[in-house]
Amino acid sequence: MTEIVFLPHPDICPEGAVIQAQPGETICQAALRQQVELEHACGCACACTTCHVIVREGFASLSAMDELESDLLDQAWGLEMESRLSCQAVVAQTDLVVEIPRYSINHAKE
């Protein structure tokens, strides 16, 4: 199992969270399975940016980013070099430290 440490987020996990992910599972799948309620307005179909996360440690171990994810990330709030859509970032065997951005672009919620 791979450990994913979520840094504190004021709304989603105020005290942070530590969860376990199975290799081959996405960050979003692992989080939702363990009650870390990441936004995922498109149902994890890689059609929005609401599940945007910043991978502070372990970024290089994740699955390669495809062109669709890369194009969508350009629209994400607070984009950084280590940004990924959590619904597309498949976990390997390296532990991760993940930050959930304070804001997301969720037109359905606004």
PDB file of N, CA and C in Angstrom:
ATOM      1  N   MET A   1       0.834  -1.187   0.000  1.00  0.00           N
ATOM      2  CA  MET A   1       0.000   0.000   0.000  1.00  0.00           C
ATOM      3  C   MET A   1       0.876   1.248   0.000  1.00  0.00           C
ATOM      4  N   THR A   2       0.356   2.267  -0.611  1.00  0.00           N
ATOM      5  CA  THR A   2       1.043   3.552  -0.694  1.00  0.00           C
ATOM      6  C   THR A   2       0.353   4.531   0.241  1.00  0.00           C
ATOM      7  N   GLU A   3       1.135   5.276   1.003  1.00  0.00           N
ATOM      8  CA  GLU A   3       0.578   6.266   1.919  1.00  0.00           C
ATOM      9  C   GLU A   3       0.451   7.608   1.206  1.00  0.00           C
ATOM     10  N   ILE A   4      -0.715   8.233   1.351  1.00  0.00           N
ATOM     11  CA  ILE A   4      -0.930   9.576   0.831  1.00  0.00           C
ATOM     12  C   ILE A   4      -1.243  10.476   2.015  1.00  0.00           C
ATOM     13  N   VAL A   5      -0.408  11.486   2.198  1.00  0.00           N
ATOM     14  CA  VAL A   5      -0.620  12.476   3.252  1.00  0.00           C
ATOM     15  C   VAL A   5      -1.246  13.697   2.595  1.00  0.00           C
ATOM     16  N   PHE A   6      -2.445  14.058   3.045  1.00  0.00           N
ATOM     17  CA  PHE A   6      -3.091  15.280   2.588  1.00  0.00           C
ATOM     18  C   PHE A   6      -2.781  16.376   3.599  1.00  0.00           C
ATOM     19  N   LEU A   7      -2.206  17.456   3.123  1.00  0.00           N
ATOM     20  CA  LEU A   7      -1.937  18.600   3.993  1.00  0.00           C
ATOM     21  C   LEU A   7      -3.266  19.229   4.406  1.00  0.00           C
ATOM     22  N   PRO A   8      -3.304  19.928   5.535  1.00  0.00           N
ATOM     23  CA  PRO A   8      -4.555  20.527   5.998  1.00  0.00           C
ATOM     24  C   PRO A   8      -5.185  21.454   4.957  1.00  0.00           C
ATOM     25  N   HIS A   9      -6.499  21.356   4.819  1.00  0.00           N
ATOM     26  CA  HIS A   9      -7.303  22.209   3.952  1.00  0.00           C
ATOM     27  C   HIS A   9      -8.473  22.686   4.812  1.00  0.00           C
ATOM     28  N   PRO A  10      -8.771  23.985   4.833  1.00  0.00           N
ATOM     29  CA  PRO A  10      -9.764  24.511   5.776  1.00  0.00           C
ATOM     30  C   PRO A  10     -11.156  23.885   5.675  1.00  0.00           C
ATOM     31  N   ASP A  11     -11.562  23.417   4.516  1.00  0.00           N
ATOM     32  CA  ASP A  11     -12.912  22.874   4.351  1.00  0.00           C
ATOM     33  C   ASP A  11     -12.935  21.352   4.228  1.00  0.00           C
ATOM     34  N   ILE A  12     -12.012  20.789   3.480  1.00  0.00           N
ATOM     35  CA  ILE A  12     -12.065  19.365   3.155  1.00  0.00           C
ATOM     36  C   ILE A  12     -11.477  18.498   4.260  1.00  0.00           C
ATOM     37  N   CYS A  13     -10.324  18.871   4.774  1.00  0.00           N
ATOM     38  CA  CYS A  13      -9.706  18.115   5.878  1.00  0.00           C
ATOM     39  C   CYS A  13      -8.880  19.095   6.720  1.00  0.00           C
ATOM     40  N   PRO A  14      -9.543  19.795   7.644  1.00  0.00           N
ATOM     41  CA  PRO A  14      -8.884  20.846   8.417  1.00  0.00           C
ATOM     42  C   PRO A  14      -7.630  20.408   9.169  1.00  0.00           C
ATOM     43  N   GLU A  15      -7.570  19.165   9.561  1.00  0.00           N
ATOM     44  CA  GLU A  15      -6.395  18.676  10.291  1.00  0.00           C
ATOM     45  C   GLU A  15      -5.483  17.839   9.412  1.00  0.00           C
ATOM     46  N   GLY A  16      -5.750  17.823   8.112  1.00  0.00           N
ATOM     47  CA  GLY A  16      -4.999  16.960   7.211  1.00  0.00           C
ATOM     48  C   GLY A  16      -5.539  15.540   7.308  1.00  0.00           C
ATOM     49  N   ALA A  17      -4.960  14.656   6.526  1.00  0.00           N
ATOM     50  CA  ALA A  17      -5.390  13.258   6.537  1.00  0.00           C
ATOM     51  C   ALA A  17      -4.257  12.385   6.013  1.00  0.00           C
ATOM     52  N   VAL A  18      -4.222  11.167   6.507  1.00  0.00           N
ATOM     53  CA  VAL A  18      -3.283  10.160   6.012  1.00  0.00           C
ATOM     54  C   VAL A  18      -4.119   8.962   5.601  1.00  0.00           C
ATOM     55  N   ILE A  19      -4.000   8.583   4.330  1.00  0.00           N
ATOM     56  CA  ILE A  19      -4.784   7.461   3.813  1.00  0.00           C
ATOM     57  C   ILE A  19      -3.859   6.463   3.127  1.00  0.00           C
ATOM     58  N   GLN A  20      -4.409   5.317   2.806  1.00  0.00           N
ATOM     59  CA  GLN A  20      -3.679   4.281   2.086  1.00  0.00           C
ATOM     60  C   GLN A  20      -4.283   4.128   0.688  1.00  0.00           C
ATOM     61  N   ALA A  21      -3.431   4.015  -0.313  1.00  0.00           N
ATOM     62  CA  ALA A  21      -3.874   3.805  -1.693  1.00  0.00           C
ATOM     63  C   ALA A  21      -3.248   2.528  -2.223  1.00  0.00           C
ATOM     64  N   GLN A  22      -3.979   1.874  -3.076  1.00  0.00           N
ATOM     65  CA  GLN A  22      -3.461   0.684  -3.724  1.00  0.00           C
ATOM     66  C   GLN A  22      -2.792   1.092  -5.030  1.00  0.00           C
ATOM     67  N   PRO A  23      -1.637   0.517  -5.348  1.00  0.00           N
ATOM     68  CA  PRO A  23      -1.023   0.813  -6.647  1.00  0.00           C
ATOM     69  C   PRO A  23      -2.030   0.553  -7.772  1.00  0.00           C
ATOM     70  N   GLY A  24      -2.108   1.496  -8.707  1.00  0.00           N
ATOM     71  CA  GLY A  24      -3.062   1.391  -9.801  1.00  0.00           C
ATOM     72  C   GLY A  24      -4.335   2.184  -9.559  1.00  0.00           C
ATOM     73  N   GLU A  25      -4.522   2.676  -8.354  1.00  0.00           N
ATOM     74  CA  GLU A  25      -5.675   3.483  -7.992  1.00  0.00           C
ATOM     75  C   GLU A  25      -5.308   4.957  -8.184  1.00  0.00           C
ATOM     76  N   THR A  26      -6.265   5.800  -8.539  1.00  0.00           N
ATOM     77  CA  THR A  26      -5.973   7.225  -8.645  1.00  0.00           C
ATOM     78  C   THR A  26      -6.008   7.860  -7.254  1.00  0.00           C
ATOM     79  N   ILE A  27      -5.396   9.025  -7.155  1.00  0.00           N
ATOM     80  CA  ILE A  27      -5.437   9.763  -5.895  1.00  0.00           C
ATOM     81  C   ILE A  27      -6.879  10.021  -5.487  1.00  0.00           C
ATOM     82  N   CYS A  28      -7.708  10.409  -6.443  1.00  0.00           N
ATOM     83  CA  CYS A  28      -9.111  10.716  -6.153  1.00  0.00           C
ATOM     84  C   CYS A  28      -9.856   9.473  -5.674  1.00  0.00           C
ATOM     85  N   GLN A  29      -9.687   8.349  -6.327  1.00  0.00           N
ATOM     86  CA  GLN A  29     -10.356   7.114  -5.908  1.00  0.00           C
ATOM     87  C   GLN A  29      -9.989   6.761  -4.475  1.00  0.00           C
ATOM     88  N   ALA A  30      -8.713   6.815  -4.160  1.00  0.00           N
ATOM     89  CA  ALA A  30      -8.253   6.483  -2.812  1.00  0.00           C
ATOM     90  C   ALA A  30      -8.837   7.462  -1.795  1.00  0.00           C
ATOM     91  N   ALA A  31      -8.831   8.746  -2.119  1.00  0.00           N
ATOM     92  CA  ALA A  31      -9.346   9.759  -1.191  1.00  0.00           C
ATOM     93  C   ALA A  31     -10.838   9.554  -0.923  1.00  0.00           C
ATOM     94  N   LEU A  32     -11.615   9.398  -1.975  1.00  0.00           N
ATOM     95  CA  LEU A  32     -13.059   9.243  -1.806  1.00  0.00           C
ATOM     96  C   LEU A  32     -13.396   7.968  -1.047  1.00  0.00           C
ATOM     97  N   ARG A  33     -12.646   6.905  -1.296  1.00  0.00           N
ATOM     98  CA  ARG A  33     -12.883   5.630  -0.609  1.00  0.00           C
ATOM     99  C   ARG A  33     -12.665   5.768   0.896  1.00  0.00           C
ATOM    100  N   GLN A  34     -11.836   6.733   1.295  1.00  0.00           N
ATOM    101  CA  GLN A  34     -11.494   6.903   2.702  1.00  0.00           C
ATOM    102  C   GLN A  34     -11.989   8.231   3.279  1.00  0.00           C
ATOM    103  N   GLN A  35     -13.090   8.712   2.709  1.00  0.00           N
ATOM    104  CA  GLN A  35     -13.825   9.876   3.226  1.00  0.00           C
ATOM    105  C   GLN A  35     -13.064  11.201   3.193  1.00  0.00           C
ATOM    106  N   VAL A  36     -12.097  11.347   2.294  1.00  0.00           N
ATOM    107  CA  VAL A  36     -11.510  12.656   2.007  1.00  0.00           C
ATOM    108  C   VAL A  36     -12.274  13.143   0.778  1.00  0.00           C
ATOM    109  N   GLU A  37     -13.201  14.059   0.988  1.00  0.00           N
ATOM    110  CA  GLU A  37     -14.176  14.433  -0.030  1.00  0.00           C
ATOM    111  C   GLU A  37     -13.627  15.446  -1.050  1.00  0.00           C
ATOM    112  N   LEU A  38     -12.724  14.981  -1.908  1.00  0.00           N
ATOM    113  CA  LEU A  38     -12.219  15.827  -2.985  1.00  0.00           C
ATOM    114  C   LEU A  38     -13.361  16.164  -3.935  1.00  0.00           C
ATOM    115  N   GLU A  39     -13.378  17.409  -4.396  1.00  0.00           N
ATOM    116  CA  GLU A  39     -14.365  17.763  -5.423  1.00  0.00           C
ATOM    117  C   GLU A  39     -14.049  16.972  -6.682  1.00  0.00           C
ATOM    118  N   HIS A  40     -15.092  16.592  -7.396  1.00  0.00           N
ATOM    119  CA  HIS A  40     -14.941  15.876  -8.668  1.00  0.00           C
ATOM    120  C   HIS A  40     -16.237  16.043  -9.468  1.00  0.00           C
ATOM    121  N   ALA A  41     -16.484  17.287  -9.867  1.00  0.00           N
ATOM    122  CA  ALA A  41     -17.759  17.669 -10.478  1.00  0.00           C
ATOM    123  C   ALA A  41     -18.107  16.871 -11.730  1.00  0.00           C
ATOM    124  N   CYS A  42     -17.111  16.411 -12.466  1.00  0.00           N
ATOM    125  CA  CYS A  42     -17.383  15.681 -13.709  1.00  0.00           C
ATOM    126  C   CYS A  42     -17.473  14.174 -13.479  1.00  0.00           C
ATOM    127  N   GLY A  43     -17.414  13.745 -12.231  1.00  0.00           N
ATOM    128  CA  GLY A  43     -17.481  12.313 -11.943  1.00  0.00           C
ATOM    129  C   GLY A  43     -16.209  11.580 -12.300  1.00  0.00           C
ATOM    130  N   CYS A  44     -15.088  12.273 -12.249  1.00  0.00           N
ATOM    131  CA  CYS A  44     -13.759  11.696 -12.535  1.00  0.00           C
ATOM    132  C   CYS A  44     -13.586  11.314 -14.003  1.00  0.00           C
ATOM    133  N   ALA A  45     -14.206  12.078 -14.886  1.00  0.00           N
ATOM    134  CA  ALA A  45     -14.141  11.797 -16.323  1.00  0.00           C
ATOM    135  C   ALA A  45     -13.106  12.644 -17.057  1.00  0.00           C
ATOM    136  N   CYS A  46     -12.275  13.366 -16.329  1.00  0.00           N
ATOM    137  CA  CYS A  46     -11.265  14.248 -16.919  1.00  0.00           C
ATOM    138  C   CYS A  46     -11.923  15.287 -17.826  1.00  0.00           C
ATOM    139  N   ALA A  47     -12.978  15.927 -17.276  1.00  0.00           N
ATOM    140  CA  ALA A  47     -13.699  16.930 -18.048  1.00  0.00           C
ATOM    141  C   ALA A  47     -13.783  18.272 -17.319  1.00  0.00           C
ATOM    142  N   CYS A  48     -13.129  18.382 -16.153  1.00  0.00           N
ATOM    143  CA  CYS A  48     -13.123  19.644 -15.418  1.00  0.00           C
ATOM    144  C   CYS A  48     -11.813  19.710 -14.636  1.00  0.00           C
ATOM    145  N   THR A  49     -11.697  20.674 -13.752  1.00  0.00           N
ATOM    146  CA  THR A  49     -10.469  20.797 -12.957  1.00  0.00           C
ATOM    147  C   THR A  49     -10.750  20.817 -11.461  1.00  0.00           C
ATOM    148  N   THR A  50     -11.933  20.415 -11.050  1.00  0.00           N
ATOM    149  CA  THR A  50     -12.292  20.531  -9.638  1.00  0.00           C
ATOM    150  C   THR A  50     -11.488  19.599  -8.732  1.00  0.00           C
ATOM    151  N   CYS A  51     -10.890  18.554  -9.261  1.00  0.00           N
ATOM    152  CA  CYS A  51     -10.105  17.622  -8.440  1.00  0.00           C
ATOM    153  C   CYS A  51      -8.609  17.946  -8.481  1.00  0.00           C
ATOM    154  N   HIS A  52      -8.269  19.133  -8.924  1.00  0.00           N
ATOM    155  CA  HIS A  52      -6.867  19.573  -9.011  1.00  0.00           C
ATOM    156  C   HIS A  52      -6.189  19.475  -7.654  1.00  0.00           C
ATOM    157  N   VAL A  53      -5.007  18.862  -7.637  1.00  0.00           N
ATOM    158  CA  VAL A  53      -4.176  18.799  -6.433  1.00  0.00           C
ATOM    159  C   VAL A  53      -2.746  19.156  -6.806  1.00  0.00           C
ATOM    160  N   ILE A  54      -1.960  19.485  -5.791  1.00  0.00           N
ATOM    161  CA  ILE A  54      -0.535  19.751  -5.979  1.00  0.00           C
ATOM    162  C   ILE A  54       0.215  18.667  -5.210  1.00  0.00           C
ATOM    163  N   VAL A  55       1.040  17.920  -5.916  1.00  0.00           N
ATOM    164  CA  VAL A  55       1.760  16.800  -5.308  1.00  0.00           C
ATOM    165  C   VAL A  55       3.114  17.323  -4.831  1.00  0.00           C
ATOM    166  N   ARG A  56       3.232  17.531  -3.525  1.00  0.00           N
ATOM    167  CA  ARG A  56       4.426  18.122  -2.930  1.00  0.00           C
ATOM    168  C   ARG A  56       5.576  17.128  -2.809  1.00  0.00           C
ATOM    169  N   GLU A  57       5.274  15.852  -2.665  1.00  0.00           N
ATOM    170  CA  GLU A  57       6.304  14.811  -2.625  1.00  0.00           C
ATOM    171  C   GLU A  57       5.794  13.590  -3.370  1.00  0.00           C
ATOM    172  N   GLY A  58       6.664  12.980  -4.170  1.00  0.00           N
ATOM    173  CA  GLY A  58       6.319  11.766  -4.899  1.00  0.00           C
ATOM    174  C   GLY A  58       5.771  12.002  -6.293  1.00  0.00           C
ATOM    175  N   PHE A  59       5.813  13.233  -6.773  1.00  0.00           N
ATOM    176  CA  PHE A  59       5.236  13.589  -8.082  1.00  0.00           C
ATOM    177  C   PHE A  59       5.744  12.691  -9.210  1.00  0.00           C
ATOM    178  N   ALA A  60       7.038  12.434  -9.251  1.00  0.00           N
ATOM    179  CA  ALA A  60       7.635  11.673 -10.359  1.00  0.00           C
ATOM    180  C   ALA A  60       7.163  10.224 -10.409  1.00  0.00           C
ATOM    181  N   SER A  61       6.615   9.710  -9.315  1.00  0.00           N
ATOM    182  CA  SER A  61       6.177   8.316  -9.288  1.00  0.00           C
ATOM    183  C   SER A  61       4.800   8.101  -9.904  1.00  0.00           C
ATOM    184  N   LEU A  62       4.063   9.174 -10.139  1.00  0.00           N
ATOM    185  CA  LEU A  62       2.705   9.063 -10.676  1.00  0.00           C
ATOM    186  C   LEU A  62       2.721   8.699 -12.153  1.00  0.00           C
ATOM    187  N   SER A  63       1.589   8.201 -12.629  1.00  0.00           N
ATOM    188  CA  SER A  63       1.441   7.884 -14.050  1.00  0.00           C
ATOM    189  C   SER A  63       1.713   9.127 -14.888  1.00  0.00           C
ATOM    190  N   ALA A  64       2.086   8.915 -16.134  1.00  0.00           N
ATOM    191  CA  ALA A  64       2.354  10.037 -17.039  1.00  0.00           C
ATOM    192  C   ALA A  64       1.064  10.805 -17.320  1.00  0.00           C
ATOM    193  N   MET A  65       1.213  12.102 -17.491  1.00  0.00           N
ATOM    194  CA  MET A  65       0.076  12.959 -17.803  1.00  0.00           C
ATOM    195  C   MET A  65      -0.185  12.910 -19.308  1.00  0.00           C
ATOM    196  N   ASP A  66      -1.451  12.714 -19.684  1.00  0.00           N
ATOM    197  CA  ASP A  66      -1.762  12.735 -21.113  1.00  0.00           C
ATOM    198  C   ASP A  66      -2.126  14.152 -21.546  1.00  0.00           C
ATOM    199  N   GLU A  67      -2.318  14.334 -22.831  1.00  0.00           N
ATOM    200  CA  GLU A  67      -2.550  15.668 -23.393  1.00  0.00           C
ATOM    201  C   GLU A  67      -3.847  16.298 -22.888  1.00  0.00           C
ATOM    202  N   LEU A  68      -4.898  15.496 -22.730  1.00  0.00           N
ATOM    203  CA  LEU A  68      -6.174  16.032 -22.252  1.00  0.00           C
ATOM    204  C   LEU A  68      -6.032  16.596 -20.843  1.00  0.00           C
ATOM    205  N   GLU A  69      -5.388  15.842 -19.959  1.00  0.00           N
ATOM    206  CA  GLU A  69      -5.180  16.333 -18.592  1.00  0.00           C
ATOM    207  C   GLU A  69      -4.343  17.605 -18.601  1.00  0.00           C
ATOM    208  N   SER A  70      -3.295  17.612 -19.390  1.00  0.00           N
ATOM    209  CA  SER A  70      -2.421  18.783 -19.483  1.00  0.00           C
ATOM    210  C   SER A  70      -3.191  20.014 -19.946  1.00  0.00           C
ATOM    211  N   ASP A  71      -4.037  19.839 -20.956  1.00  0.00           N
ATOM    212  CA  ASP A  71      -4.832  20.959 -21.464  1.00  0.00           C
ATOM    213  C   ASP A  71      -5.811  21.474 -20.410  1.00  0.00           C
ATOM    214  N   LEU A  72      -6.458  20.563 -19.691  1.00  0.00           N
ATOM    215  CA  LEU A  72      -7.398  20.978 -18.656  1.00  0.00           C
ATOM    216  C   LEU A  72      -6.697  21.687 -17.503  1.00  0.00           C
ATOM    217  N   LEU A  73      -5.543  21.191 -17.120  1.00  0.00           N
ATOM    218  CA  LEU A  73      -4.821  21.801 -16.001  1.00  0.00           C
ATOM    219  C   LEU A  73      -4.492  23.262 -16.250  1.00  0.00           C
ATOM    220  N   ASP A  74      -4.332  23.638 -17.507  1.00  0.00           N
ATOM    221  CA  ASP A  74      -4.072  25.044 -17.827  1.00  0.00           C
ATOM    222  C   ASP A  74      -5.180  25.959 -17.324  1.00  0.00           C
ATOM    223  N   GLN A  75      -6.368  25.394 -17.075  1.00  0.00           N
ATOM    224  CA  GLN A  75      -7.516  26.178 -16.618  1.00  0.00           C
ATOM    225  C   GLN A  75      -7.692  26.147 -15.102  1.00  0.00           C
ATOM    226  N   ALA A  76      -6.880  25.372 -14.401  1.00  0.00           N
ATOM    227  CA  ALA A  76      -7.040  25.199 -12.959  1.00  0.00           C
ATOM    228  C   ALA A  76      -6.576  26.427 -12.188  1.00  0.00           C
ATOM    229  N   TRP A  77      -7.243  26.679 -11.060  1.00  0.00           N
ATOM    230  CA  TRP A  77      -6.851  27.770 -10.174  1.00  0.00           C
ATOM    231  C   TRP A  77      -5.589  27.356  -9.423  1.00  0.00           C
ATOM    232  N   GLY A  78      -4.599  28.241  -9.345  1.00  0.00           N
ATOM    233  CA  GLY A  78      -3.399  27.988  -8.554  1.00  0.00           C
ATOM    234  C   GLY A  78      -2.476  26.939  -9.142  1.00  0.00           C
ATOM    235  N   LEU A  79      -2.414  26.844 -10.433  1.00  0.00           N
ATOM    236  CA  LEU A  79      -1.590  25.848 -11.125  1.00  0.00           C
ATOM    237  C   LEU A  79      -0.118  25.980 -10.745  1.00  0.00           C
ATOM    238  N   GLU A  80       0.528  24.840 -10.477  1.00  0.00           N
ATOM    239  CA  GLU A  80       1.956  24.794 -10.175  1.00  0.00           C
ATOM    240  C   GLU A  80       2.595  23.676 -11.001  1.00  0.00           C
ATOM    241  N   MET A  81       3.902  23.615 -10.987  1.00  0.00           N
ATOM    242  CA  MET A  81       4.618  22.593 -11.768  1.00  0.00           C
ATOM    243  C   MET A  81       4.250  21.178 -11.319  1.00  0.00           C
ATOM    244  N   GLU A  82       3.886  21.006 -10.064  1.00  0.00           N
ATOM    245  CA  GLU A  82       3.560  19.680  -9.532  1.00  0.00           C
ATOM    246  C   GLU A  82       2.053  19.451  -9.474  1.00  0.00           C
ATOM    247  N   SER A  83       1.284  20.189 -10.268  1.00  0.00           N
ATOM    248  CA  SER A  83      -0.167  20.039 -10.294  1.00  0.00           C
ATOM    249  C   SER A  83      -0.575  18.811 -11.099  1.00  0.00           C
ATOM    250  N   ARG A  84      -1.628  18.163 -10.636  1.00  0.00           N
ATOM    251  CA  ARG A  84      -2.245  17.040 -11.360  1.00  0.00           C
ATOM    252  C   ARG A  84      -3.744  17.077 -11.100  1.00  0.00           C
ATOM    253  N   LEU A  85      -4.496  16.446 -12.001  1.00  0.00           N
ATOM    254  CA  LEU A  85      -5.895  16.165 -11.718  1.00  0.00           C
ATOM    255  C   LEU A  85      -5.901  14.855 -10.951  1.00  0.00           C
ATOM    256  N   SER A  86      -6.446  14.868  -9.760  1.00  0.00           N
ATOM    257  CA  SER A  86      -6.359  13.669  -8.914  1.00  0.00           C
ATOM    258  C   SER A  86      -7.125  12.488  -9.507  1.00  0.00           C
ATOM    259  N   CYS A  87      -8.073  12.748 -10.395  1.00  0.00           N
ATOM    260  CA  CYS A  87      -8.820  11.649 -11.028  1.00  0.00           C
ATOM    261  C   CYS A  87      -8.001  10.958 -12.111  1.00  0.00           C
ATOM    262  N   GLN A  88      -6.887  11.539 -12.499  1.00  0.00           N
ATOM    263  CA  GLN A  88      -6.055  10.969 -13.558  1.00  0.00           C
ATOM    264  C   GLN A  88      -4.691  10.503 -13.055  1.00  0.00           C
ATOM    265  N   ALA A  89      -4.282  10.930 -11.888  1.00  0.00           N
ATOM    266  CA  ALA A  89      -2.960  10.628 -11.346  1.00  0.00           C
ATOM    267  C   ALA A  89      -2.979   9.259 -10.663  1.00  0.00           C
ATOM    268  N   VAL A  90      -2.445   8.269 -11.346  1.00  0.00           N
ATOM    269  CA  VAL A  90      -2.432   6.897 -10.833  1.00  0.00           C
ATOM    270  C   VAL A  90      -1.217   6.704  -9.930  1.00  0.00           C
ATOM    271  N   VAL A  91      -1.478   6.173  -8.751  1.00  0.00           N
ATOM    272  CA  VAL A  91      -0.479   5.978  -7.710  1.00  0.00           C
ATOM    273  C   VAL A  91       0.366   4.747  -8.006  1.00  0.00           C
ATOM    274  N   ALA A  92       1.654   4.848  -7.717  1.00  0.00           N
ATOM    275  CA  ALA A  92       2.558   3.693  -7.807  1.00  0.00           C
ATOM    276  C   ALA A  92       2.842   3.232  -6.379  1.00  0.00           C
ATOM    277  N   GLN A  93       4.083   2.930  -6.072  1.00  0.00           N
ATOM    278  CA  GLN A  93       4.421   2.439  -4.734  1.00  0.00           C
ATOM    279  C   GLN A  93       5.175   3.471  -3.893  1.00  0.00           C
ATOM    280  N   THR A  94       5.287   4.693  -4.390  1.00  0.00           N
ATOM    281  CA  THR A  94       5.978   5.752  -3.657  1.00  0.00           C
ATOM    282  C   THR A  94       4.962   6.560  -2.866  1.00  0.00           C
ATOM    283  N   ASP A  95       5.251   6.800  -1.595  1.00  0.00           N
ATOM    284  CA  ASP A  95       4.374   7.610  -0.762  1.00  0.00           C
ATOM    285  C   ASP A  95       4.285   9.029  -1.312  1.00  0.00           C
ATOM    286  N   LEU A  96       3.150   9.678  -1.065  1.00  0.00           N
ATOM    287  CA  LEU A  96       2.876  11.004  -1.605  1.00  0.00           C
ATOM    288  C   LEU A  96       2.502  11.983  -0.503  1.00  0.00           C
ATOM    289  N   VAL A  97       2.817  13.248  -0.732  1.00  0.00           N
ATOM    290  CA  VAL A  97       2.296  14.346   0.076  1.00  0.00           C
ATOM    291  C   VAL A  97       1.543  15.248  -0.898  1.00  0.00           C
ATOM    292  N   VAL A  98       0.265  15.489  -0.599  1.00  0.00           N
ATOM    293  CA  VAL A  98      -0.627  16.174  -1.526  1.00  0.00           C
ATOM    294  C   VAL A  98      -1.260  17.384  -0.841  1.00  0.00           C
ATOM    295  N   GLU A  99      -1.292  18.474  -1.592  1.00  0.00           N
ATOM    296  CA  GLU A  99      -1.979  19.683  -1.133  1.00  0.00           C
ATOM    297  C   GLU A  99      -3.208  19.901  -1.992  1.00  0.00           C
ATOM    298  N   ILE A 100      -4.326  20.152  -1.347  1.00  0.00           N
ATOM    299  CA  ILE A 100      -5.561  20.482  -2.057  1.00  0.00           C
ATOM    300  C   ILE A 100      -5.625  22.001  -2.125  1.00  0.00           C
ATOM    301  N   PRO A 101      -5.663  22.579  -3.329  1.00  0.00           N
ATOM    302  CA  PRO A 101      -5.718  24.044  -3.415  1.00  0.00           C
ATOM    303  C   PRO A 101      -6.931  24.613  -2.665  1.00  0.00           C
ATOM    304  N   ARG A 102      -6.769  25.793  -2.173  1.00  0.00           N
ATOM    305  CA  ARG A 102      -7.837  26.427  -1.387  1.00  0.00           C
ATOM    306  C   ARG A 102      -9.100  26.652  -2.219  1.00  0.00           C
ATOM    307  N   TYR A 103      -8.953  26.917  -3.495  1.00  0.00           N
ATOM    308  CA  TYR A 103     -10.092  27.201  -4.366  1.00  0.00           C
ATOM    309  C   TYR A 103     -10.082  26.272  -5.567  1.00  0.00           C
ATOM    310  N   SER A 104     -11.252  26.114  -6.161  1.00  0.00           N
ATOM    311  CA  SER A 104     -11.350  25.384  -7.427  1.00  0.00           C
ATOM    312  C   SER A 104     -12.343  26.136  -8.322  1.00  0.00           C
ATOM    313  N   ILE A 105     -12.279  25.819  -9.579  1.00  0.00           N
ATOM    314  CA  ILE A 105     -13.217  26.422 -10.538  1.00  0.00           C
ATOM    315  C   ILE A 105     -14.331  25.404 -10.727  1.00  0.00           C
ATOM    316  N   ASN A 106     -15.417  25.606  -9.992  1.00  0.00           N
ATOM    317  CA  ASN A 106     -16.565  24.698 -10.052  1.00  0.00           C
ATOM    318  C   ASN A 106     -17.787  25.520 -10.385  1.00  0.00           C
ATOM    319  N   HIS A 107     -18.133  25.585 -11.667  1.00  0.00           N
ATOM    320  CA  HIS A 107     -19.251  26.418 -12.107  1.00  0.00           C
ATOM    321  C   HIS A 107     -20.581  25.932 -11.542  1.00  0.00           C
ATOM    322  N   ALA A 108     -20.702  24.646 -11.279  1.00  0.00           N
ATOM    323  CA  ALA A 108     -21.953  24.113 -10.729  1.00  0.00           C
ATOM    324  C   ALA A 108     -22.155  24.554  -9.287  1.00  0.00           C
ATOM    325  N   LYS A 109     -21.076  24.839  -8.586  1.00  0.00           N
ATOM    326  CA  LYS A 109     -21.132  25.193  -7.174  1.00  0.00           C
ATOM    327  C   LYS A 109     -21.241  26.699  -6.958  1.00  0.00           C
ATOM    328  N   GLU A 110     -20.801  27.495  -7.930  1.00  0.00           N
ATOM    329  CA  GLU A 110     -20.751  28.947  -7.774  1.00  0.00           C
ATOM    330  C   GLU A 110     -22.119  29.588  -7.836  1.00  0.00           C
TER     331      GLU A 110
END
